[in-house]
Amino acid sequence: MEILACPICKNPDLDLHVFNENEKEIETGIIVCKECNRYYPIKGTIPIMLPDGLRKEEEDLEFLTSYKKNIPSNVLKNGKPFSLSD
């Protein structure tokens, strides 16, 4: 986490929410930028930190829906680039 920054606003102040992990790695989770409220899913141990134009709305919304109980409400309602209130 120390070397990551939001690819959009370049803010290094990120929140990490872990959903599943093993002894060595985070398997599933979400990284949230505290500055611009963009979120980046972690799937299969890989943080998906793509710019907005390369993200797929259907995949992001499926991720939000699947892990709704683990994701902060501000991300569900106002997260970028897609949210469940869209």
PDB file of N, CA and C in Angstrom:
ATOM      1  N   MET A   1       0.820  -1.198   0.000  1.00  0.00           N
ATOM      2  CA  MET A   1       0.000   0.000   0.000  1.00  0.00           C
ATOM      3  C   MET A   1       0.862   1.260   0.000  1.00  0.00           C
ATOM      4  N   GLU A   2       2.050   1.181   0.566  1.00  0.00           N
ATOM      5  CA  GLU A   2       2.898   2.369   0.678  1.00  0.00           C
ATOM      6  C   GLU A   2       3.325   2.916  -0.681  1.00  0.00           C
ATOM      7  N   ILE A   3       3.362   2.072  -1.697  1.00  0.00           N
ATOM      8  CA  ILE A   3       3.829   2.532  -3.005  1.00  0.00           C
ATOM      9  C   ILE A   3       2.681   2.849  -3.964  1.00  0.00           C
ATOM     10  N   LEU A   4       1.432   2.650  -3.540  1.00  0.00           N
ATOM     11  CA  LEU A   4       0.291   2.883  -4.414  1.00  0.00           C
ATOM     12  C   LEU A   4      -0.217   4.310  -4.298  1.00  0.00           C
ATOM     13  N   ALA A   5      -0.803   4.789  -5.392  1.00  0.00           N
ATOM     14  CA  ALA A   5      -1.490   6.080  -5.426  1.00  0.00           C
ATOM     15  C   ALA A   5      -2.658   5.950  -6.396  1.00  0.00           C
ATOM     16  N   CYS A   6      -3.651   6.775  -6.221  1.00  0.00           N
ATOM     17  CA  CYS A   6      -4.800   6.778  -7.130  1.00  0.00           C
ATOM     18  C   CYS A   6      -4.315   7.165  -8.528  1.00  0.00           C
ATOM     19  N   PRO A   7      -4.615   6.363  -9.555  1.00  0.00           N
ATOM     20  CA  PRO A   7      -4.149   6.695 -10.898  1.00  0.00           C
ATOM     21  C   PRO A   7      -4.823   7.941 -11.486  1.00  0.00           C
ATOM     22  N   ILE A   8      -5.929   8.384 -10.904  1.00  0.00           N
ATOM     23  CA  ILE A   8      -6.637   9.544 -11.439  1.00  0.00           C
ATOM     24  C   ILE A   8      -6.151  10.843 -10.789  1.00  0.00           C
ATOM     25  N   CYS A   9      -6.228  10.926  -9.463  1.00  0.00           N
ATOM     26  CA  CYS A   9      -5.866  12.186  -8.785  1.00  0.00           C
ATOM     27  C   CYS A   9      -4.458  12.147  -8.183  1.00  0.00           C
ATOM     28  N   LYS A  10      -3.802  10.999  -8.262  1.00  0.00           N
ATOM     29  CA  LYS A  10      -2.427  10.795  -7.772  1.00  0.00           C
ATOM     30  C   LYS A  10      -2.291  10.857  -6.257  1.00  0.00           C
ATOM     31  N   ASN A  11      -3.383  10.845  -5.533  1.00  0.00           N
ATOM     32  CA  ASN A  11      -3.369  10.881  -4.071  1.00  0.00           C
ATOM     33  C   ASN A  11      -2.857   9.548  -3.516  1.00  0.00           C
ATOM     34  N   PRO A  12      -1.868   9.577  -2.631  1.00  0.00           N
ATOM     35  CA  PRO A  12      -1.365   8.339  -2.033  1.00  0.00           C
ATOM     36  C   PRO A  12      -2.139   7.913  -0.770  1.00  0.00           C
ATOM     37  N   ASP A  13      -3.098   8.716  -0.344  1.00  0.00           N
ATOM     38  CA  ASP A  13      -3.857   8.431   0.873  1.00  0.00           C
ATOM     39  C   ASP A  13      -5.046   7.528   0.533  1.00  0.00           C
ATOM     40  N   LEU A  14      -4.830   6.225   0.633  1.00  0.00           N
ATOM     41  CA  LEU A  14      -5.817   5.226   0.232  1.00  0.00           C
ATOM     42  C   LEU A  14      -6.248   4.384   1.424  1.00  0.00           C
ATOM     43  N   ASP A  15      -7.517   3.990   1.414  1.00  0.00           N
ATOM     44  CA  ASP A  15      -8.040   3.069   2.429  1.00  0.00           C
ATOM     45  C   ASP A  15      -8.094   1.667   1.839  1.00  0.00           C
ATOM     46  N   LEU A  16      -7.706   0.698   2.626  1.00  0.00           N
ATOM     47  CA  LEU A  16      -7.761  -0.700   2.216  1.00  0.00           C
ATOM     48  C   LEU A  16      -8.817  -1.413   3.054  1.00  0.00           C
ATOM     49  N   HIS A  17      -9.744  -2.096   2.372  1.00  0.00           N
ATOM     50  CA  HIS A  17     -10.769  -2.902   3.031  1.00  0.00           C
ATOM     51  C   HIS A  17     -10.583  -4.334   2.547  1.00  0.00           C
ATOM     52  N   VAL A  18     -10.232  -5.227   3.449  1.00  0.00           N
ATOM     53  CA  VAL A  18      -9.945  -6.621   3.115  1.00  0.00           C
ATOM     54  C   VAL A  18     -11.201  -7.456   3.344  1.00  0.00           C
ATOM     55  N   PHE A  19     -11.595  -8.217   2.334  1.00  0.00           N
ATOM     56  CA  PHE A  19     -12.758  -9.103   2.445  1.00  0.00           C
ATOM     57  C   PHE A  19     -12.316 -10.538   2.719  1.00  0.00           C
ATOM     58  N   ASN A  20     -11.324 -11.003   1.993  1.00  0.00           N
ATOM     59  CA  ASN A  20     -10.787 -12.359   2.155  1.00  0.00           C
ATOM     60  C   ASN A  20      -9.275 -12.298   2.024  1.00  0.00           C
ATOM     61  N   GLU A  21      -8.584 -13.085   2.869  1.00  0.00           N
ATOM     62  CA  GLU A  21      -7.133 -13.147   2.763  1.00  0.00           C
ATOM     63  C   GLU A  21      -6.655 -14.520   3.208  1.00  0.00           C
ATOM     64  N   ASN A  22      -5.449 -14.870   2.773  1.00  0.00           N
ATOM     65  CA  ASN A  22      -4.806 -16.080   3.260  1.00  0.00           C
ATOM     66  C   ASN A  22      -3.591 -15.651   4.068  1.00  0.00           C
ATOM     67  N   GLU A  23      -2.704 -16.548   4.355  1.00  0.00           N
ATOM     68  CA  GLU A  23      -1.540 -16.229   5.191  1.00  0.00           C
ATOM     69  C   GLU A  23      -0.606 -15.209   4.566  1.00  0.00           C
ATOM     70  N   LYS A  24      -0.584 -15.139   3.244  1.00  0.00           N
ATOM     71  CA  LYS A  24       0.389 -14.303   2.553  1.00  0.00           C
ATOM     72  C   LYS A  24      -0.200 -13.107   1.815  1.00  0.00           C
ATOM     73  N   GLU A  25      -1.450 -13.223   1.355  1.00  0.00           N
ATOM     74  CA  GLU A  25      -1.979 -12.219   0.432  1.00  0.00           C
ATOM     75  C   GLU A  25      -3.432 -11.873   0.717  1.00  0.00           C
ATOM     76  N   ILE A  26      -3.800 -10.699   0.239  1.00  0.00           N
ATOM     77  CA  ILE A  26      -5.213 -10.311   0.226  1.00  0.00           C
ATOM     78  C   ILE A  26      -5.813 -10.916  -1.032  1.00  0.00           C
ATOM     79  N   GLU A  27      -6.826 -11.740  -0.878  1.00  0.00           N
ATOM     80  CA  GLU A  27      -7.446 -12.379  -2.032  1.00  0.00           C
ATOM     81  C   GLU A  27      -8.513 -11.488  -2.656  1.00  0.00           C
ATOM     82  N   THR A  28      -9.341 -10.876  -1.803  1.00  0.00           N
ATOM     83  CA  THR A  28     -10.426 -10.025  -2.272  1.00  0.00           C
ATOM     84  C   THR A  28     -10.560  -8.832  -1.343  1.00  0.00           C
ATOM     85  N   GLY A  29     -10.799  -7.679  -1.927  1.00  0.00           N
ATOM     86  CA  GLY A  29     -10.979  -6.474  -1.133  1.00  0.00           C
ATOM     87  C   GLY A  29     -11.209  -5.281  -2.033  1.00  0.00           C
ATOM     88  N   ILE A  30     -11.040  -4.102  -1.452  1.00  0.00           N
ATOM     89  CA  ILE A  30     -11.242  -2.877  -2.219  1.00  0.00           C
ATOM     90  C   ILE A  30     -10.302  -1.804  -1.673  1.00  0.00           C
ATOM     91  N   ILE A  31      -9.761  -1.020  -2.581  1.00  0.00           N
ATOM     92  CA  ILE A  31      -8.928   0.129  -2.236  1.00  0.00           C
ATOM     93  C   ILE A  31      -9.739   1.371  -2.585  1.00  0.00           C
ATOM     94  N   VAL A  32      -9.811   2.321  -1.665  1.00  0.00           N
ATOM     95  CA  VAL A  32     -10.612   3.526  -1.886  1.00  0.00           C
ATOM     96  C   VAL A  32      -9.725   4.758  -1.718  1.00  0.00           C
ATOM     97  N   CYS A  33      -9.790   5.659  -2.683  1.00  0.00           N
ATOM     98  CA  CYS A  33      -9.051   6.913  -2.610  1.00  0.00           C
ATOM     99  C   CYS A  33      -9.808   7.884  -1.704  1.00  0.00           C
ATOM    100  N   LYS A  34      -9.134   8.400  -0.698  1.00  0.00           N
ATOM    101  CA  LYS A  34      -9.763   9.332   0.237  1.00  0.00           C
ATOM    102  C   LYS A  34     -10.018  10.705  -0.384  1.00  0.00           C
ATOM    103  N   GLU A  35      -9.337  11.014  -1.462  1.00  0.00           N
ATOM    104  CA  GLU A  35      -9.475  12.322  -2.110  1.00  0.00           C
ATOM    105  C   GLU A  35     -10.645  12.368  -3.090  1.00  0.00           C
ATOM    106  N   CYS A  36     -10.695  11.425  -4.041  1.00  0.00           N
ATOM    107  CA  CYS A  36     -11.702  11.496  -5.109  1.00  0.00           C
ATOM    108  C   CYS A  36     -12.799  10.434  -4.995  1.00  0.00           C
ATOM    109  N   ASN A  37     -12.725   9.571  -3.982  1.00  0.00           N
ATOM    110  CA  ASN A  37     -13.722   8.519  -3.723  1.00  0.00           C
ATOM    111  C   ASN A  37     -13.810   7.474  -4.836  1.00  0.00           C
ATOM    112  N   ARG A  38     -12.706   7.304  -5.586  1.00  0.00           N
ATOM    113  CA  ARG A  38     -12.666   6.210  -6.552  1.00  0.00           C
ATOM    114  C   ARG A  38     -12.275   4.940  -5.816  1.00  0.00           C
ATOM    115  N   TYR A  39     -12.826   3.847  -6.285  1.00  0.00           N
ATOM    116  CA  TYR A  39     -12.515   2.556  -5.672  1.00  0.00           C
ATOM    117  C   TYR A  39     -11.868   1.651  -6.706  1.00  0.00           C
ATOM    118  N   TYR A  40     -11.072   0.749  -6.198  1.00  0.00           N
ATOM    119  CA  TYR A  40     -10.347  -0.194  -7.035  1.00  0.00           C
ATOM    120  C   TYR A  40     -10.475  -1.579  -6.418  1.00  0.00           C
ATOM    121  N   PRO A  41     -11.184  -2.487  -7.107  1.00  0.00           N
ATOM    122  CA  PRO A  41     -11.368  -3.835  -6.571  1.00  0.00           C
ATOM    123  C   PRO A  41     -10.050  -4.612  -6.517  1.00  0.00           C
ATOM    124  N   ILE A  42      -9.975  -5.507  -5.567  1.00  0.00           N
ATOM    125  CA  ILE A  42      -8.882  -6.488  -5.511  1.00  0.00           C
ATOM    126  C   ILE A  42      -9.545  -7.836  -5.794  1.00  0.00           C
ATOM    127  N   LYS A  43      -9.136  -8.457  -6.884  1.00  0.00           N
ATOM    128  CA  LYS A  43      -9.719  -9.729  -7.304  1.00  0.00           C
ATOM    129  C   LYS A  43      -8.596 -10.724  -7.543  1.00  0.00           C
ATOM    130  N   GLY A  44      -8.705 -11.886  -6.932  1.00  0.00           N
ATOM    131  CA  GLY A  44      -7.689 -12.914  -7.136  1.00  0.00           C
ATOM    132  C   GLY A  44      -6.291 -12.433  -6.784  1.00  0.00           C
ATOM    133  N   THR A  45      -6.180 -11.672  -5.732  1.00  0.00           N
ATOM    134  CA  THR A  45      -4.944 -11.089  -5.178  1.00  0.00           C
ATOM    135  C   THR A  45      -4.394  -9.905  -5.985  1.00  0.00           C
ATOM    136  N   ILE A  46      -5.093  -9.481  -7.049  1.00  0.00           N
ATOM    137  CA  ILE A  46      -4.587  -8.412  -7.916  1.00  0.00           C
ATOM    138  C   ILE A  46      -5.430  -7.146  -7.761  1.00  0.00           C
ATOM    139  N   PRO A  47      -4.819  -6.019  -7.372  1.00  0.00           N
ATOM    140  CA  PRO A  47      -5.560  -4.753  -7.352  1.00  0.00           C
ATOM    141  C   PRO A  47      -5.790  -4.273  -8.792  1.00  0.00           C
ATOM    142  N   ILE A  48      -7.037  -4.010  -9.118  1.00  0.00           N
ATOM    143  CA  ILE A  48      -7.400  -3.570 -10.463  1.00  0.00           C
ATOM    144  C   ILE A  48      -7.475  -2.037 -10.445  1.00  0.00           C
ATOM    145  N   MET A  49      -6.333  -1.391 -10.678  1.00  0.00           N
ATOM    146  CA  MET A  49      -6.233   0.060 -10.560  1.00  0.00           C
ATOM    147  C   MET A  49      -6.164   0.710 -11.945  1.00  0.00           C
ATOM    148  N   LEU A  50      -7.245   0.543 -12.696  1.00  0.00           N
ATOM    149  CA  LEU A  50      -7.326   1.092 -14.046  1.00  0.00           C
ATOM    150  C   LEU A  50      -7.977   2.472 -14.031  1.00  0.00           C
ATOM    151  N   PRO A  51      -7.611   3.343 -14.993  1.00  0.00           N
ATOM    152  CA  PRO A  51      -8.313   4.615 -15.124  1.00  0.00           C
ATOM    153  C   PRO A  51      -9.766   4.379 -15.552  1.00  0.00           C
ATOM    154  N   ASP A  52     -10.598   5.364 -15.320  1.00  0.00           N
ATOM    155  CA  ASP A  52     -12.041   5.234 -15.570  1.00  0.00           C
ATOM    156  C   ASP A  52     -12.368   4.713 -16.968  1.00  0.00           C
ATOM    157  N   GLY A  53     -11.706   5.226 -17.977  1.00  0.00           N
ATOM    158  CA  GLY A  53     -12.015   4.859 -19.359  1.00  0.00           C
ATOM    159  C   GLY A  53     -11.743   3.410 -19.706  1.00  0.00           C
ATOM    160  N   LEU A  54     -10.956   2.736 -18.899  1.00  0.00           N
ATOM    161  CA  LEU A  54     -10.633   1.323 -19.154  1.00  0.00           C
ATOM    162  C   LEU A  54     -11.426   0.367 -18.270  1.00  0.00           C
ATOM    163  N   ARG A  55     -12.276   0.928 -17.427  1.00  0.00           N
ATOM    164  CA  ARG A  55     -13.060   0.081 -16.521  1.00  0.00           C
ATOM    165  C   ARG A  55     -14.355  -0.335 -17.190  1.00  0.00           C
ATOM    166  N   LYS A  56     -14.863  -1.492 -16.767  1.00  0.00           N
ATOM    167  CA  LYS A  56     -16.115  -2.012 -17.318  1.00  0.00           C
ATOM    168  C   LYS A  56     -17.210  -1.869 -16.265  1.00  0.00           C
ATOM    169  N   GLU A  57     -18.217  -1.092 -16.596  1.00  0.00           N
ATOM    170  CA  GLU A  57     -19.291  -0.797 -15.650  1.00  0.00           C
ATOM    171  C   GLU A  57     -19.946  -2.071 -15.127  1.00  0.00           C
ATOM    172  N   GLU A  58     -20.255  -3.002 -16.008  1.00  0.00           N
ATOM    173  CA  GLU A  58     -20.927  -4.233 -15.598  1.00  0.00           C
ATOM    174  C   GLU A  58     -20.099  -5.005 -14.562  1.00  0.00           C
ATOM    175  N   GLU A  59     -18.796  -5.105 -14.774  1.00  0.00           N
ATOM    176  CA  GLU A  59     -17.923  -5.822 -13.837  1.00  0.00           C
ATOM    177  C   GLU A  59     -17.837  -5.109 -12.495  1.00  0.00           C
ATOM    178  N   ASP A  60     -17.711  -3.780 -12.528  1.00  0.00           N
ATOM    179  CA  ASP A  60     -17.636  -3.021 -11.275  1.00  0.00           C
ATOM    180  C   ASP A  60     -18.934  -3.123 -10.480  1.00  0.00           C
ATOM    181  N   LEU A  61     -20.068  -3.010 -11.159  1.00  0.00           N
ATOM    182  CA  LEU A  61     -21.354  -3.093 -10.461  1.00  0.00           C
ATOM    183  C   LEU A  61     -21.588  -4.497  -9.901  1.00  0.00           C
ATOM    184  N   GLU A  62     -21.149  -5.513 -10.620  1.00  0.00           N
ATOM    185  CA  GLU A  62     -21.248  -6.885 -10.118  1.00  0.00           C
ATOM    186  C   GLU A  62     -20.398  -7.063  -8.856  1.00  0.00           C
ATOM    187  N   PHE A  63     -19.203  -6.488  -8.856  1.00  0.00           N
ATOM    188  CA  PHE A  63     -18.322  -6.551  -7.684  1.00  0.00           C
ATOM    189  C   PHE A  63     -18.976  -5.836  -6.495  1.00  0.00           C
ATOM    190  N   LEU A  64     -19.495  -4.628  -6.725  1.00  0.00           N
ATOM    191  CA  LEU A  64     -20.156  -3.879  -5.648  1.00  0.00           C
ATOM    192  C   LEU A  64     -21.337  -4.654  -5.075  1.00  0.00           C
ATOM    193  N   THR A  65     -22.120  -5.251  -5.941  1.00  0.00           N
ATOM    194  CA  THR A  65     -23.282  -6.019  -5.497  1.00  0.00           C
ATOM    195  C   THR A  65     -22.862  -7.266  -4.729  1.00  0.00           C
ATOM    196  N   SER A  66     -21.854  -7.960  -5.212  1.00  0.00           N
ATOM    197  CA  SER A  66     -21.393  -9.199  -4.578  1.00  0.00           C
ATOM    198  C   SER A  66     -20.838  -8.971  -3.173  1.00  0.00           C
ATOM    199  N   TYR A  67     -20.178  -7.833  -2.967  1.00  0.00           N
ATOM    200  CA  TYR A  67     -19.526  -7.561  -1.679  1.00  0.00           C
ATOM    201  C   TYR A  67     -20.172  -6.376  -0.950  1.00  0.00           C
ATOM    202  N   LYS A  68     -21.431  -6.149  -1.235  1.00  0.00           N
ATOM    203  CA  LYS A  68     -22.163  -4.998  -0.696  1.00  0.00           C
ATOM    204  C   LYS A  68     -22.033  -4.862   0.823  1.00  0.00           C
ATOM    205  N   LYS A  69     -22.077  -5.965   1.536  1.00  0.00           N
ATOM    206  CA  LYS A  69     -22.023  -5.917   3.001  1.00  0.00           C
ATOM    207  C   LYS A  69     -20.649  -5.505   3.531  1.00  0.00           C
ATOM    208  N   ASN A  70     -19.598  -5.615   2.707  1.00  0.00           N
ATOM    209  CA  ASN A  70     -18.239  -5.293   3.124  1.00  0.00           C
ATOM    210  C   ASN A  70     -17.766  -3.911   2.674  1.00  0.00           C
ATOM    211  N   ILE A  71     -18.486  -3.301   1.761  1.00  0.00           N
ATOM    212  CA  ILE A  71     -18.053  -2.046   1.140  1.00  0.00           C
ATOM    213  C   ILE A  71     -18.665  -0.865   1.877  1.00  0.00           C
ATOM    214  N   PRO A  72     -17.873   0.162   2.180  1.00  0.00           N
ATOM    215  CA  PRO A  72     -18.415   1.341   2.864  1.00  0.00           C
ATOM    216  C   PRO A  72     -19.588   1.954   2.083  1.00  0.00           C
ATOM    217  N   SER A  73     -20.597   2.424   2.810  1.00  0.00           N
ATOM    218  CA  SER A  73     -21.814   2.939   2.167  1.00  0.00           C
ATOM    219  C   SER A  73     -21.538   4.127   1.254  1.00  0.00           C
ATOM    220  N   ASN A  74     -20.555   4.973   1.606  1.00  0.00           N
ATOM    221  CA  ASN A  74     -20.264   6.115   0.735  1.00  0.00           C
ATOM    222  C   ASN A  74     -19.736   5.653  -0.627  1.00  0.00           C
ATOM    223  N   VAL A  75     -19.046   4.530  -0.672  1.00  0.00           N
ATOM    224  CA  VAL A  75     -18.563   3.985  -1.943  1.00  0.00           C
ATOM    225  C   VAL A  75     -19.729   3.382  -2.725  1.00  0.00           C
ATOM    226  N   LEU A  76     -20.607   2.672  -2.039  1.00  0.00           N
ATOM    227  CA  LEU A  76     -21.765   2.094  -2.718  1.00  0.00           C
ATOM    228  C   LEU A  76     -22.638   3.175  -3.345  1.00  0.00           C
ATOM    229  N   LYS A  77     -22.830   4.277  -2.652  1.00  0.00           N
ATOM    230  CA  LYS A  77     -23.733   5.337  -3.120  1.00  0.00           C
ATOM    231  C   LYS A  77     -23.063   6.361  -4.025  1.00  0.00           C
ATOM    232  N   ASN A  78     -21.801   6.694  -3.739  1.00  0.00           N
ATOM    233  CA  ASN A  78     -21.146   7.794  -4.449  1.00  0.00           C
ATOM    234  C   ASN A  78     -19.780   7.454  -5.014  1.00  0.00           C
ATOM    235  N   GLY A  79     -19.415   6.177  -5.017  1.00  0.00           N
ATOM    236  CA  GLY A  79     -18.108   5.781  -5.527  1.00  0.00           C
ATOM    237  C   GLY A  79     -17.965   6.060  -7.014  1.00  0.00           C
ATOM    238  N   LYS A  80     -16.741   6.259  -7.423  1.00  0.00           N
ATOM    239  CA  LYS A  80     -16.462   6.543  -8.829  1.00  0.00           C
ATOM    240  C   LYS A  80     -15.585   5.432  -9.385  1.00  0.00           C
ATOM    241  N   PRO A  81     -15.723   5.072 -10.613  1.00  0.00           N
ATOM    242  CA  PRO A  81     -16.522   5.706 -11.634  1.00  0.00           C
ATOM    243  C   PRO A  81     -17.980   5.253 -11.678  1.00  0.00           C
ATOM    244  N   PHE A  82     -18.327   4.186 -10.978  1.00  0.00           N
ATOM    245  CA  PHE A  82     -19.709   3.679 -10.986  1.00  0.00           C
ATOM    246  C   PHE A  82     -20.157   3.426  -9.549  1.00  0.00           C
ATOM    247  N   SER A  83     -21.446   3.563  -9.314  1.00  0.00           N
ATOM    248  CA  SER A  83     -21.977   3.275  -7.982  1.00  0.00           C
ATOM    249  C   SER A  83     -23.317   2.583  -8.148  1.00  0.00           C
ATOM    250  N   LEU A  84     -23.816   2.059  -7.056  1.00  0.00           N
ATOM    251  CA  LEU A  84     -25.106   1.360  -7.110  1.00  0.00           C
ATOM    252  C   LEU A  84     -26.278   2.330  -7.202  1.00  0.00           C
ATOM    253  N   SER A  85     -26.039   3.618  -7.002  1.00  0.00           N
ATOM    254  CA  SER A  85     -27.122   4.588  -7.114  1.00  0.00           C
ATOM    255  C   SER A  85     -27.237   5.141  -8.518  1.00  0.00           C
ATOM    256  N   ASP A  86     -26.338   4.711  -9.446  1.00  0.00           N
ATOM    257  CA  ASP A  86     -26.411   5.177 -10.846  1.00  0.00           C
ATOM    258  C   ASP A  86     -27.660   4.655 -11.526  1.00  0.00           C
TER     259      ASP A  86
END
